[in-house]
């Protein structure tokens, strides 16, 4: 959507609820749409996008993990703001369907809380050409975004296709052995000479902090 005189452009596509076979279930369409809008805006507009969290008017509804994936795909590919599509028309009209879905409401609340906590990091400039990622399964690429904030390095990563893989990250300028905290997962890894690996389930998201 584009409003003349407005500094924000927005985009929406709902791949889980979508009925078209080419789109249905392909979460990466969210990232593709955001990426295209960022390119078309050419730095002149702030890009926002809308995330599905109900069945809207289709038979399928995104799971909490799929919603989380779509959110982080959006942020990693350049979205600066998120809107949730909370309405539902089928099987009956409910203009606040998200609020009546306890599981999804908890998930969206948790996602938003993490984003709010990371806002100073996410609002800092991304560092280009600072990380290289290889996927053990070439059919499951992993997208990344890297930030530096208050002496720490933050790496955000999301699997862009369905299927399990192991991603190996190589961070430039990171010498020696460093502890890698996996945010929100109560676990840590070790980067040796700037290199570490992690397992990714279908559409999985992992957020890392290296002090």
N, C-alpha and C. Protein backbone atom coordinates (compact mmCIF):
# COMPACT_ATOMS: atom_id res chain seq x y z
N UNK A 1 0.84 -1.18 0.00
CA UNK A 1 0.00 0.00 0.00
C UNK A 1 0.88 1.24 0.00
N UNK A 2 0.45 2.28 -0.74
CA UNK A 2 1.20 3.53 -0.78
C UNK A 2 0.23 4.70 -0.64
N UNK A 3 0.51 5.57 0.30
CA UNK A 3 -0.30 6.76 0.50
C UNK A 3 0.53 7.97 0.12
N UNK A 4 0.11 8.77 -0.86
CA UNK A 4 0.86 9.96 -1.25
C UNK A 4 1.13 10.85 -0.04
N UNK A 5 2.36 11.31 0.08
CA UNK A 5 2.72 12.18 1.18
C UNK A 5 3.04 11.46 2.46
N UNK A 6 2.91 10.15 2.47
CA UNK A 6 3.18 9.35 3.68
C UNK A 6 4.59 8.78 3.60
N UNK A 7 5.26 8.72 4.75
CA UNK A 7 6.63 8.20 4.78
C UNK A 7 6.69 6.71 5.03
N UNK A 8 5.54 6.05 5.08
CA UNK A 8 5.50 4.60 5.34
C UNK A 8 4.80 3.90 4.20
N UNK A 9 5.38 2.80 3.73
CA UNK A 9 4.70 1.92 2.79
C UNK A 9 4.54 0.57 3.46
N UNK A 10 3.44 -0.11 3.16
CA UNK A 10 3.18 -1.39 3.84
C UNK A 10 2.86 -2.48 2.84
N UNK A 11 3.01 -3.71 3.31
CA UNK A 11 2.86 -4.88 2.45
C UNK A 11 2.20 -5.99 3.26
N UNK A 12 1.34 -6.78 2.61
CA UNK A 12 0.78 -7.94 3.31
C UNK A 12 0.57 -9.10 2.34
N UNK A 13 0.91 -10.28 2.83
CA UNK A 13 0.58 -11.54 2.18
C UNK A 13 0.52 -12.58 3.29
N UNK A 14 -0.43 -13.50 3.18
CA UNK A 14 -0.68 -14.46 4.26
C UNK A 14 -0.55 -15.88 3.70
N UNK A 15 0.67 -16.41 3.65
CA UNK A 15 0.89 -17.67 2.92
C UNK A 15 0.23 -18.91 3.53
N UNK A 16 0.03 -18.95 4.84
CA UNK A 16 -0.61 -20.14 5.42
C UNK A 16 -2.10 -20.13 5.15
N UNK A 17 -2.72 -18.97 5.33
CA UNK A 17 -4.17 -18.87 5.09
C UNK A 17 -4.51 -18.75 3.60
N UNK A 18 -3.53 -18.49 2.78
CA UNK A 18 -3.76 -18.27 1.35
C UNK A 18 -4.24 -19.56 0.67
N UNK A 19 -5.18 -19.43 -0.24
CA UNK A 19 -5.74 -20.60 -0.91
C UNK A 19 -5.01 -20.98 -2.19
N UNK A 20 -4.23 -20.07 -2.77
CA UNK A 20 -3.55 -20.38 -4.02
C UNK A 20 -2.43 -21.39 -3.77
N UNK A 21 -2.40 -22.50 -4.54
CA UNK A 21 -1.41 -23.55 -4.28
C UNK A 21 0.04 -23.09 -4.40
N UNK A 22 0.29 -22.08 -5.21
CA UNK A 22 1.65 -21.59 -5.37
C UNK A 22 2.12 -20.86 -4.12
N UNK A 23 1.20 -20.26 -3.40
CA UNK A 23 1.54 -19.45 -2.22
C UNK A 23 1.36 -20.23 -0.93
N UNK A 24 0.33 -21.07 -0.87
CA UNK A 24 -0.06 -21.74 0.36
C UNK A 24 1.11 -22.49 1.01
N UNK A 25 1.40 -22.15 2.25
CA UNK A 25 2.43 -22.83 3.02
C UNK A 25 3.84 -22.34 2.77
N UNK A 26 4.03 -21.46 1.79
CA UNK A 26 5.37 -20.96 1.46
C UNK A 26 5.63 -19.65 2.21
N UNK A 27 6.10 -19.77 3.42
CA UNK A 27 6.29 -18.61 4.27
C UNK A 27 7.26 -17.59 3.67
N UNK A 28 8.16 -18.03 2.84
CA UNK A 28 9.18 -17.14 2.29
C UNK A 28 8.59 -16.04 1.41
N UNK A 29 7.32 -16.18 1.00
CA UNK A 29 6.70 -15.10 0.23
C UNK A 29 6.64 -13.80 1.05
N UNK A 30 6.54 -13.92 2.37
CA UNK A 30 6.55 -12.73 3.22
C UNK A 30 7.87 -11.99 3.07
N UNK A 31 8.98 -12.73 3.18
CA UNK A 31 10.30 -12.11 3.05
C UNK A 31 10.50 -11.54 1.66
N UNK A 32 10.05 -12.26 0.65
CA UNK A 32 10.21 -11.79 -0.73
C UNK A 32 9.47 -10.46 -0.94
N UNK A 33 8.25 -10.38 -0.41
CA UNK A 33 7.47 -9.16 -0.55
C UNK A 33 8.13 -7.98 0.14
N UNK A 34 8.62 -8.21 1.37
CA UNK A 34 9.29 -7.14 2.11
C UNK A 34 10.54 -6.68 1.36
N UNK A 35 11.31 -7.64 0.90
CA UNK A 35 12.56 -7.33 0.20
C UNK A 35 12.30 -6.49 -1.05
N UNK A 36 11.25 -6.84 -1.79
CA UNK A 36 10.90 -6.08 -2.99
C UNK A 36 10.48 -4.66 -2.63
N UNK A 37 9.69 -4.52 -1.57
CA UNK A 37 9.21 -3.20 -1.19
C UNK A 37 10.37 -2.33 -0.71
N UNK A 38 11.30 -2.91 0.02
CA UNK A 38 12.49 -2.18 0.46
C UNK A 38 13.27 -1.66 -0.75
N UNK A 39 13.40 -2.53 -1.76
CA UNK A 39 14.12 -2.14 -2.98
C UNK A 39 13.38 -1.03 -3.71
N UNK A 40 12.06 -1.18 -3.86
CA UNK A 40 11.28 -0.17 -4.59
C UNK A 40 11.25 1.16 -3.84
N UNK A 41 11.24 1.10 -2.51
CA UNK A 41 11.22 2.33 -1.73
C UNK A 41 12.54 3.08 -1.80
N UNK A 42 13.63 2.37 -2.12
CA UNK A 42 14.96 2.96 -2.35
C UNK A 42 15.40 3.86 -1.20
N UNK A 43 15.07 3.45 0.02
CA UNK A 43 15.49 4.22 1.17
C UNK A 43 14.70 5.48 1.43
N UNK A 44 13.68 5.75 0.62
CA UNK A 44 12.89 6.97 0.76
C UNK A 44 11.66 6.77 1.64
N UNK A 45 11.31 5.54 1.91
CA UNK A 45 10.14 5.24 2.71
C UNK A 45 10.48 4.17 3.75
N UNK A 46 9.81 4.24 4.88
CA UNK A 46 9.92 3.19 5.90
C UNK A 46 8.95 2.07 5.53
N UNK A 47 9.42 0.84 5.57
CA UNK A 47 8.61 -0.31 5.18
C UNK A 47 8.04 -1.01 6.41
N UNK A 48 6.74 -1.22 6.40
CA UNK A 48 6.05 -2.03 7.41
C UNK A 48 5.40 -3.20 6.68
N UNK A 49 5.01 -4.24 7.43
CA UNK A 49 4.21 -5.30 6.81
C UNK A 49 3.28 -5.95 7.82
N UNK A 50 2.30 -6.64 7.30
CA UNK A 50 1.24 -7.25 8.10
C UNK A 50 1.48 -8.76 8.21
N UNK A 51 1.26 -9.30 9.40
CA UNK A 51 1.50 -10.72 9.70
C UNK A 51 0.18 -11.42 9.99
N UNK A 52 -0.01 -12.60 9.40
CA UNK A 52 -1.21 -13.40 9.65
C UNK A 52 -1.12 -14.07 11.02
N UNK A 53 -2.24 -14.13 11.72
CA UNK A 53 -2.28 -14.89 12.98
C UNK A 53 -3.66 -15.49 13.22
N UNK A 54 -4.52 -15.46 12.19
CA UNK A 54 -5.82 -16.14 12.23
C UNK A 54 -6.00 -16.89 10.92
N UNK A 55 -7.11 -17.61 10.78
CA UNK A 55 -7.35 -18.30 9.51
C UNK A 55 -7.97 -17.37 8.47
N UNK A 56 -8.26 -16.14 8.85
CA UNK A 56 -8.83 -15.10 7.98
C UNK A 56 -10.12 -15.63 7.37
N UNK A 57 -10.09 -16.12 6.14
CA UNK A 57 -11.30 -16.72 5.57
C UNK A 57 -10.99 -18.07 4.91
N UNK A 58 -9.83 -18.59 5.21
CA UNK A 58 -9.46 -19.89 4.66
C UNK A 58 -9.60 -20.99 5.68
N UNK A 59 -9.16 -22.18 5.32
CA UNK A 59 -9.25 -23.33 6.21
C UNK A 59 -8.01 -23.47 7.09
N UNK A 60 -6.90 -22.92 6.63
CA UNK A 60 -5.63 -23.09 7.34
C UNK A 60 -5.30 -21.85 8.17
N UNK A 61 -4.62 -22.09 9.28
CA UNK A 61 -4.18 -21.00 10.15
C UNK A 61 -2.73 -21.24 10.53
N UNK A 62 -1.95 -20.19 10.53
CA UNK A 62 -0.54 -20.31 10.91
C UNK A 62 -0.40 -20.78 12.35
N UNK A 63 0.61 -21.57 12.62
CA UNK A 63 0.95 -21.96 13.99
C UNK A 63 1.74 -20.83 14.64
N UNK A 64 1.84 -20.83 15.96
CA UNK A 64 2.67 -19.81 16.62
C UNK A 64 4.11 -19.78 16.10
N UNK A 65 4.68 -20.95 15.82
CA UNK A 65 6.06 -20.97 15.31
C UNK A 65 6.14 -20.40 13.90
N UNK A 66 5.11 -20.61 13.09
CA UNK A 66 5.09 -20.02 11.75
C UNK A 66 4.94 -18.51 11.81
N UNK A 67 4.13 -18.02 12.75
CA UNK A 67 4.00 -16.58 12.92
C UNK A 67 5.34 -15.98 13.33
N UNK A 68 6.03 -16.63 14.25
CA UNK A 68 7.35 -16.15 14.68
C UNK A 68 8.31 -16.12 13.50
N UNK A 69 8.25 -17.14 12.67
CA UNK A 69 9.12 -17.18 11.49
C UNK A 69 8.81 -16.02 10.56
N UNK A 70 7.54 -15.79 10.29
CA UNK A 70 7.17 -14.69 9.39
C UNK A 70 7.62 -13.34 9.96
N UNK A 71 7.50 -13.18 11.27
CA UNK A 71 7.92 -11.94 11.91
C UNK A 71 9.42 -11.70 11.69
N UNK A 72 10.23 -12.73 11.97
CA UNK A 72 11.67 -12.53 11.86
C UNK A 72 12.15 -12.51 10.42
N UNK A 73 11.47 -13.22 9.53
CA UNK A 73 11.77 -13.05 8.11
C UNK A 73 11.59 -11.59 7.70
N UNK A 74 10.50 -11.00 8.19
CA UNK A 74 10.20 -9.61 7.85
C UNK A 74 11.29 -8.67 8.36
N UNK A 75 11.66 -8.80 9.63
CA UNK A 75 12.66 -7.92 10.21
C UNK A 75 14.02 -8.10 9.55
N UNK A 76 14.39 -9.34 9.31
CA UNK A 76 15.70 -9.62 8.70
C UNK A 76 15.78 -9.07 7.28
N UNK A 77 14.64 -9.04 6.59
CA UNK A 77 14.65 -8.57 5.20
C UNK A 77 14.31 -7.08 5.07
N UNK A 78 14.22 -6.37 6.19
CA UNK A 78 14.15 -4.92 6.10
C UNK A 78 12.89 -4.25 6.59
N UNK A 79 11.92 -4.99 7.12
CA UNK A 79 10.72 -4.35 7.66
C UNK A 79 11.07 -3.60 8.94
N UNK A 80 10.48 -2.42 9.11
CA UNK A 80 10.74 -1.61 10.30
C UNK A 80 9.53 -1.51 11.22
N UNK A 81 8.44 -2.17 10.83
CA UNK A 81 7.26 -2.14 11.67
C UNK A 81 6.33 -3.28 11.32
N UNK A 82 5.59 -3.78 12.30
CA UNK A 82 4.72 -4.93 12.10
C UNK A 82 3.28 -4.61 12.50
N UNK A 83 2.36 -5.15 11.73
CA UNK A 83 0.94 -5.09 12.03
C UNK A 83 0.43 -6.53 12.02
N UNK A 84 -0.45 -6.88 12.92
CA UNK A 84 -1.02 -8.23 12.92
C UNK A 84 -2.45 -8.19 12.38
N UNK A 85 -2.74 -9.09 11.44
CA UNK A 85 -4.10 -9.20 10.92
C UNK A 85 -4.88 -10.08 11.88
N UNK A 86 -5.77 -9.47 12.65
CA UNK A 86 -6.41 -10.17 13.77
C UNK A 86 -7.85 -10.59 13.48
N UNK A 87 -8.38 -10.22 12.30
CA UNK A 87 -9.78 -10.53 11.99
C UNK A 87 -9.93 -11.95 11.44
N UNK A 88 -11.16 -12.43 11.47
CA UNK A 88 -11.47 -13.74 10.90
C UNK A 88 -12.91 -13.72 10.38
N UNK A 89 -13.09 -14.26 9.16
CA UNK A 89 -14.42 -14.30 8.54
C UNK A 89 -15.04 -15.69 8.56
N UNK A 90 -14.21 -16.70 8.62
CA UNK A 90 -14.70 -18.08 8.62
C UNK A 90 -14.12 -18.82 9.82
N UNK A 91 -14.86 -19.72 10.47
CA UNK A 91 -16.22 -20.13 10.14
C UNK A 91 -17.29 -19.11 10.53
N UNK A 92 -16.90 -18.07 11.32
CA UNK A 92 -17.83 -16.98 11.60
C UNK A 92 -17.02 -15.71 11.78
N UNK A 93 -17.65 -14.57 11.59
CA UNK A 93 -16.93 -13.31 11.68
C UNK A 93 -16.53 -13.01 13.13
N UNK A 94 -15.25 -12.68 13.29
CA UNK A 94 -14.73 -12.30 14.60
C UNK A 94 -13.66 -11.24 14.36
N UNK A 95 -13.98 -10.01 14.69
CA UNK A 95 -13.05 -8.92 14.39
C UNK A 95 -11.85 -8.90 15.34
N UNK A 96 -11.88 -9.69 16.40
CA UNK A 96 -10.76 -9.76 17.34
C UNK A 96 -10.38 -11.21 17.59
N UNK A 97 -10.27 -11.98 16.51
CA UNK A 97 -10.03 -13.42 16.65
C UNK A 97 -8.74 -13.74 17.40
N UNK A 98 -7.72 -12.92 17.23
CA UNK A 98 -6.47 -13.17 17.96
C UNK A 98 -6.70 -13.15 19.46
N UNK A 99 -7.51 -12.23 19.94
CA UNK A 99 -7.74 -12.09 21.37
C UNK A 99 -8.54 -13.26 21.93
N UNK A 100 -9.20 -14.01 21.05
CA UNK A 100 -10.00 -15.15 21.48
C UNK A 100 -9.29 -16.49 21.23
N UNK A 101 -8.00 -16.42 20.94
CA UNK A 101 -7.18 -17.60 20.69
C UNK A 101 -6.04 -17.58 21.71
N UNK A 102 -6.22 -18.21 22.88
CA UNK A 102 -5.23 -18.09 23.96
C UNK A 102 -3.82 -18.49 23.56
N UNK A 103 -3.67 -19.58 22.79
CA UNK A 103 -2.34 -20.04 22.40
C UNK A 103 -1.65 -19.01 21.51
N UNK A 104 -2.36 -18.53 20.50
CA UNK A 104 -1.76 -17.56 19.59
C UNK A 104 -1.52 -16.23 20.29
N UNK A 105 -2.44 -15.84 21.15
CA UNK A 105 -2.26 -14.59 21.88
C UNK A 105 -1.01 -14.63 22.74
N UNK A 106 -0.77 -15.75 23.42
CA UNK A 106 0.46 -15.90 24.21
C UNK A 106 1.69 -15.80 23.32
N UNK A 107 1.62 -16.44 22.15
CA UNK A 107 2.76 -16.44 21.24
C UNK A 107 3.06 -15.04 20.72
N UNK A 108 2.04 -14.35 20.25
CA UNK A 108 2.24 -13.00 19.72
C UNK A 108 2.72 -12.05 20.82
N UNK A 109 2.17 -12.20 22.02
CA UNK A 109 2.62 -11.39 23.14
C UNK A 109 4.11 -11.62 23.42
N UNK A 110 4.52 -12.88 23.39
CA UNK A 110 5.93 -13.21 23.62
C UNK A 110 6.84 -12.68 22.52
N UNK A 111 6.39 -12.80 21.26
CA UNK A 111 7.17 -12.27 20.14
C UNK A 111 7.34 -10.77 20.29
N UNK A 112 6.24 -10.07 20.58
CA UNK A 112 6.30 -8.62 20.72
C UNK A 112 7.18 -8.20 21.90
N UNK A 113 7.12 -8.97 22.98
CA UNK A 113 7.94 -8.64 24.14
C UNK A 113 9.43 -8.75 23.79
N UNK A 114 9.80 -9.81 23.08
CA UNK A 114 11.21 -9.97 22.69
C UNK A 114 11.65 -8.85 21.75
N UNK A 115 10.80 -8.49 20.79
CA UNK A 115 11.14 -7.41 19.86
C UNK A 115 11.31 -6.09 20.62
N UNK A 116 10.42 -5.82 21.58
CA UNK A 116 10.53 -4.59 22.37
C UNK A 116 11.82 -4.57 23.17
N UNK A 117 12.21 -5.71 23.74
CA UNK A 117 13.45 -5.79 24.50
C UNK A 117 14.66 -5.56 23.60
N UNK A 118 14.56 -6.01 22.36
CA UNK A 118 15.67 -5.90 21.42
C UNK A 118 15.60 -4.63 20.57
N UNK A 119 14.63 -3.77 20.84
CA UNK A 119 14.42 -2.58 20.00
C UNK A 119 15.68 -1.73 19.82
N UNK A 120 16.45 -1.46 20.88
CA UNK A 120 17.66 -0.66 20.67
C UNK A 120 18.65 -1.34 19.70
N UNK A 121 18.68 -2.66 19.74
CA UNK A 121 19.55 -3.40 18.81
C UNK A 121 18.98 -3.35 17.40
N UNK A 122 17.69 -3.66 17.27
CA UNK A 122 17.06 -3.72 15.96
C UNK A 122 17.04 -2.36 15.27
N UNK A 123 17.01 -1.28 16.05
CA UNK A 123 17.01 0.05 15.47
C UNK A 123 18.40 0.57 15.15
N UNK A 124 19.42 -0.20 15.48
CA UNK A 124 20.79 0.18 15.13
C UNK A 124 21.08 -0.28 13.70
N UNK A 125 22.09 0.28 13.06
CA UNK A 125 22.39 -0.09 11.67
C UNK A 125 22.79 -1.55 11.53
N UNK A 126 22.34 -2.18 10.48
CA UNK A 126 22.80 -3.53 10.16
C UNK A 126 24.21 -3.46 9.59
N UNK A 127 24.99 -4.51 9.83
CA UNK A 127 26.36 -4.57 9.34
C UNK A 127 26.39 -5.49 8.13
N UNK A 128 26.73 -4.96 6.99
CA UNK A 128 26.74 -5.75 5.76
C UNK A 128 28.08 -6.48 5.60
N UNK A 129 28.04 -7.60 4.93
CA UNK A 129 29.24 -8.39 4.59
C UNK A 129 30.05 -8.78 5.82
N UNK A 130 29.38 -8.95 6.96
CA UNK A 130 30.11 -9.31 8.18
C UNK A 130 29.89 -10.76 8.58
N UNK A 131 28.97 -11.45 7.91
CA UNK A 131 28.70 -12.84 8.25
C UNK A 131 28.46 -13.66 6.98
N UNK A 132 29.02 -14.84 6.97
CA UNK A 132 28.78 -15.80 5.89
C UNK A 132 28.09 -17.02 6.49
N UNK A 133 27.06 -17.52 5.82
CA UNK A 133 26.33 -18.67 6.34
C UNK A 133 26.25 -19.74 5.27
N UNK A 134 26.47 -20.97 5.68
CA UNK A 134 26.30 -22.11 4.79
C UNK A 134 25.33 -23.09 5.44
N UNK A 135 24.45 -23.67 4.62
CA UNK A 135 23.45 -24.61 5.11
C UNK A 135 23.82 -26.01 4.67
N UNK A 136 23.73 -26.97 5.60
CA UNK A 136 24.03 -28.35 5.26
C UNK A 136 23.10 -28.87 4.18
N UNK A 137 21.88 -28.34 4.13
CA UNK A 137 20.93 -28.68 3.08
C UNK A 137 20.74 -27.45 2.21
N UNK A 138 21.29 -27.44 0.99
CA UNK A 138 21.17 -26.27 0.12
C UNK A 138 19.73 -25.89 -0.19
N UNK A 139 18.80 -26.82 -0.02
CA UNK A 139 17.39 -26.53 -0.26
C UNK A 139 16.74 -25.76 0.88
N UNK A 140 17.48 -25.62 1.98
CA UNK A 140 16.97 -24.86 3.14
C UNK A 140 17.97 -23.75 3.47
N UNK A 141 17.96 -22.66 2.71
CA UNK A 141 18.87 -21.55 3.01
C UNK A 141 18.48 -20.86 4.31
N UNK A 142 19.45 -20.22 4.92
CA UNK A 142 19.24 -19.51 6.18
C UNK A 142 19.60 -18.04 5.96
N UNK A 143 18.66 -17.14 6.24
CA UNK A 143 18.88 -15.70 6.09
C UNK A 143 19.34 -15.12 7.41
N UNK A 144 20.16 -14.08 7.35
CA UNK A 144 20.74 -13.50 8.55
C UNK A 144 20.69 -11.98 8.54
N UNK A 145 20.80 -11.41 9.72
CA UNK A 145 20.97 -9.98 9.92
C UNK A 145 21.91 -9.80 11.11
N UNK A 146 22.92 -8.95 10.96
CA UNK A 146 23.91 -8.79 12.02
C UNK A 146 23.95 -7.34 12.48
N UNK A 147 24.02 -7.15 13.81
CA UNK A 147 24.05 -5.83 14.42
C UNK A 147 25.15 -5.79 15.48
N UNK A 148 25.71 -4.61 15.71
CA UNK A 148 26.60 -4.36 16.84
C UNK A 148 25.92 -3.36 17.76
N UNK A 149 25.90 -3.66 19.06
CA UNK A 149 25.25 -2.74 20.00
C UNK A 149 25.88 -2.88 21.38
N UNK A 150 26.38 -1.77 21.89
CA UNK A 150 26.95 -1.70 23.24
C UNK A 150 27.94 -2.82 23.52
N UNK A 151 28.86 -3.00 22.59
CA UNK A 151 29.95 -3.94 22.78
C UNK A 151 29.62 -5.39 22.48
N UNK A 152 28.40 -5.67 22.05
CA UNK A 152 28.01 -7.05 21.74
C UNK A 152 27.63 -7.16 20.26
N UNK A 153 27.79 -8.37 19.74
CA UNK A 153 27.36 -8.67 18.37
C UNK A 153 26.09 -9.49 18.44
N UNK A 154 25.09 -9.09 17.67
CA UNK A 154 23.81 -9.79 17.62
C UNK A 154 23.62 -10.36 16.21
N UNK A 155 23.31 -11.64 16.15
CA UNK A 155 23.04 -12.28 14.87
C UNK A 155 21.64 -12.88 14.91
N UNK A 156 20.82 -12.49 13.94
CA UNK A 156 19.45 -13.00 13.83
C UNK A 156 19.37 -13.88 12.60
N UNK A 157 18.82 -15.08 12.74
CA UNK A 157 18.83 -16.03 11.63
C UNK A 157 17.51 -16.78 11.54
N UNK A 158 17.06 -17.05 10.30
CA UNK A 158 15.81 -17.77 10.08
C UNK A 158 15.95 -18.70 8.89
N UNK A 159 15.44 -19.92 9.05
CA UNK A 159 15.42 -20.88 7.95
C UNK A 159 14.33 -20.47 6.95
N UNK A 160 14.69 -20.39 5.69
CA UNK A 160 13.80 -19.82 4.68
C UNK A 160 12.97 -20.87 3.93
N UNK A 161 13.10 -22.12 4.30
CA UNK A 161 12.30 -23.17 3.67
C UNK A 161 11.94 -24.22 4.71
N UNK A 162 10.98 -25.05 4.37
CA UNK A 162 10.62 -26.18 5.23
C UNK A 162 11.69 -27.25 5.11
N UNK A 163 12.02 -27.87 6.23
CA UNK A 163 13.04 -28.92 6.24
C UNK A 163 14.11 -28.61 7.26
N UNK A 164 14.70 -29.64 7.82
CA UNK A 164 15.73 -29.48 8.84
C UNK A 164 17.11 -29.31 8.20
N UNK A 165 17.94 -28.49 8.85
CA UNK A 165 19.30 -28.30 8.36
C UNK A 165 20.19 -27.86 9.52
N UNK A 166 21.48 -27.82 9.25
CA UNK A 166 22.45 -27.23 10.18
C UNK A 166 23.12 -26.08 9.47
N UNK A 167 23.11 -24.93 10.10
CA UNK A 167 23.73 -23.74 9.53
C UNK A 167 25.06 -23.48 10.21
N UNK A 168 26.06 -23.15 9.41
CA UNK A 168 27.38 -22.77 9.94
C UNK A 168 27.62 -21.30 9.63
N UNK A 169 27.88 -20.53 10.67
CA UNK A 169 28.06 -19.08 10.55
C UNK A 169 29.53 -18.73 10.72
N UNK A 170 30.03 -17.87 9.86
CA UNK A 170 31.39 -17.35 9.95
C UNK A 170 31.31 -15.85 10.08
N UNK A 171 31.73 -15.32 11.24
CA UNK A 171 31.66 -13.89 11.52
C UNK A 171 33.04 -13.27 11.37
N UNK A 172 33.14 -12.23 10.58
CA UNK A 172 34.41 -11.56 10.36
C UNK A 172 34.85 -10.81 11.61
N UNK A 173 36.15 -10.86 11.86
CA UNK A 173 36.73 -10.07 12.94
C UNK A 173 36.50 -10.61 14.34
N UNK A 174 36.05 -11.85 14.45
CA UNK A 174 35.78 -12.44 15.76
C UNK A 174 36.85 -13.50 16.03
N UNK A 175 37.82 -13.17 16.85
CA UNK A 175 38.94 -14.06 17.11
C UNK A 175 38.76 -14.83 18.40
N UNK A 176 39.48 -15.96 18.52
CA UNK A 176 39.46 -16.74 19.74
C UNK A 176 38.15 -17.47 19.96
N UNK A 177 37.99 -17.98 21.19
CA UNK A 177 36.76 -18.68 21.56
C UNK A 177 35.81 -17.69 22.25
N UNK A 178 34.57 -17.67 21.77
CA UNK A 178 33.58 -16.76 22.33
C UNK A 178 32.30 -17.52 22.65
N UNK A 179 31.67 -17.19 23.77
CA UNK A 179 30.39 -17.77 24.12
C UNK A 179 29.30 -17.12 23.28
N UNK A 180 28.42 -17.94 22.74
CA UNK A 180 27.30 -17.47 21.92
C UNK A 180 26.01 -17.78 22.67
N UNK A 181 25.37 -16.75 23.19
CA UNK A 181 24.10 -16.94 23.89
C UNK A 181 22.97 -17.02 22.88
N UNK A 182 22.14 -18.06 22.98
CA UNK A 182 20.96 -18.18 22.12
C UNK A 182 19.80 -17.56 22.88
N UNK A 183 19.38 -16.39 22.45
CA UNK A 183 18.41 -15.61 23.21
C UNK A 183 17.05 -16.30 23.30
N UNK A 184 16.53 -16.35 24.51
CA UNK A 184 15.21 -16.93 24.73
C UNK A 184 15.15 -18.43 24.71
N UNK A 185 16.30 -19.10 24.61
CA UNK A 185 16.29 -20.56 24.50
C UNK A 185 17.04 -21.25 25.63
N UNK A 186 17.62 -20.49 26.56
CA UNK A 186 18.30 -21.05 27.73
C UNK A 186 19.39 -22.04 27.31
N UNK A 187 20.18 -21.66 26.32
CA UNK A 187 21.30 -22.48 25.91
C UNK A 187 22.37 -21.58 25.29
N UNK A 188 23.57 -22.14 25.16
CA UNK A 188 24.65 -21.37 24.57
C UNK A 188 25.51 -22.27 23.69
N UNK A 189 26.26 -21.64 22.80
CA UNK A 189 27.17 -22.33 21.89
C UNK A 189 28.54 -21.68 22.04
N UNK A 190 29.51 -22.19 21.30
CA UNK A 190 30.84 -21.60 21.31
C UNK A 190 31.28 -21.29 19.89
N UNK A 191 31.70 -20.06 19.66
CA UNK A 191 32.27 -19.66 18.38
C UNK A 191 33.79 -19.75 18.50
N UNK A 192 34.41 -20.46 17.58
CA UNK A 192 35.87 -20.61 17.56
C UNK A 192 36.42 -19.95 16.30
N UNK A 193 37.18 -18.91 16.52
CA UNK A 193 37.68 -18.16 15.37
C UNK A 193 36.57 -17.55 14.54
N UNK A 194 35.47 -17.21 15.20
CA UNK A 194 34.36 -16.59 14.51
C UNK A 194 33.40 -17.57 13.84
N UNK A 195 33.57 -18.87 14.07
CA UNK A 195 32.75 -19.88 13.40
C UNK A 195 31.96 -20.69 14.43
N UNK A 196 30.67 -20.84 14.19
CA UNK A 196 29.86 -21.75 15.01
C UNK A 196 28.70 -22.29 14.17
N UNK A 197 28.12 -23.40 14.62
CA UNK A 197 27.02 -24.06 13.91
C UNK A 197 25.84 -24.26 14.83
N UNK A 198 24.66 -24.36 14.22
CA UNK A 198 23.45 -24.61 15.01
C UNK A 198 22.43 -25.33 14.13
N UNK A 199 21.57 -26.12 14.77
CA UNK A 199 20.53 -26.87 14.05
C UNK A 199 19.29 -26.01 13.87
N UNK A 200 18.66 -26.14 12.71
CA UNK A 200 17.43 -25.42 12.40
C UNK A 200 16.36 -26.40 11.95
N UNK A 201 15.23 -26.40 12.64
CA UNK A 201 14.05 -27.12 12.18
C UNK A 201 13.38 -26.30 11.08
N UNK A 202 12.29 -26.82 10.51
CA UNK A 202 11.57 -26.10 9.46
C UNK A 202 11.19 -24.69 9.91
N UNK A 203 11.59 -23.69 9.14
CA UNK A 203 11.23 -22.29 9.35
C UNK A 203 11.72 -21.76 10.71
N UNK A 204 12.70 -22.40 11.32
CA UNK A 204 13.11 -22.03 12.68
C UNK A 204 13.82 -20.67 12.71
N UNK A 205 13.73 -20.03 13.86
CA UNK A 205 14.39 -18.74 14.12
C UNK A 205 15.32 -18.92 15.31
N UNK A 206 16.54 -18.39 15.20
CA UNK A 206 17.44 -18.33 16.34
C UNK A 206 18.07 -16.93 16.40
N UNK A 207 18.14 -16.39 17.61
CA UNK A 207 18.73 -15.07 17.82
C UNK A 207 19.95 -15.24 18.75
N UNK A 208 21.08 -14.71 18.34
CA UNK A 208 22.35 -14.94 19.06
C UNK A 208 22.95 -13.62 19.55
N UNK A 209 23.58 -13.70 20.73
CA UNK A 209 24.34 -12.55 21.25
C UNK A 209 25.72 -13.01 21.64
N UNK A 210 26.72 -12.29 21.15
CA UNK A 210 28.11 -12.60 21.45
C UNK A 210 28.73 -11.38 22.10
N UNK A 211 29.11 -11.48 23.35
CA UNK A 211 29.66 -10.33 24.07
C UNK A 211 31.17 -10.24 23.83
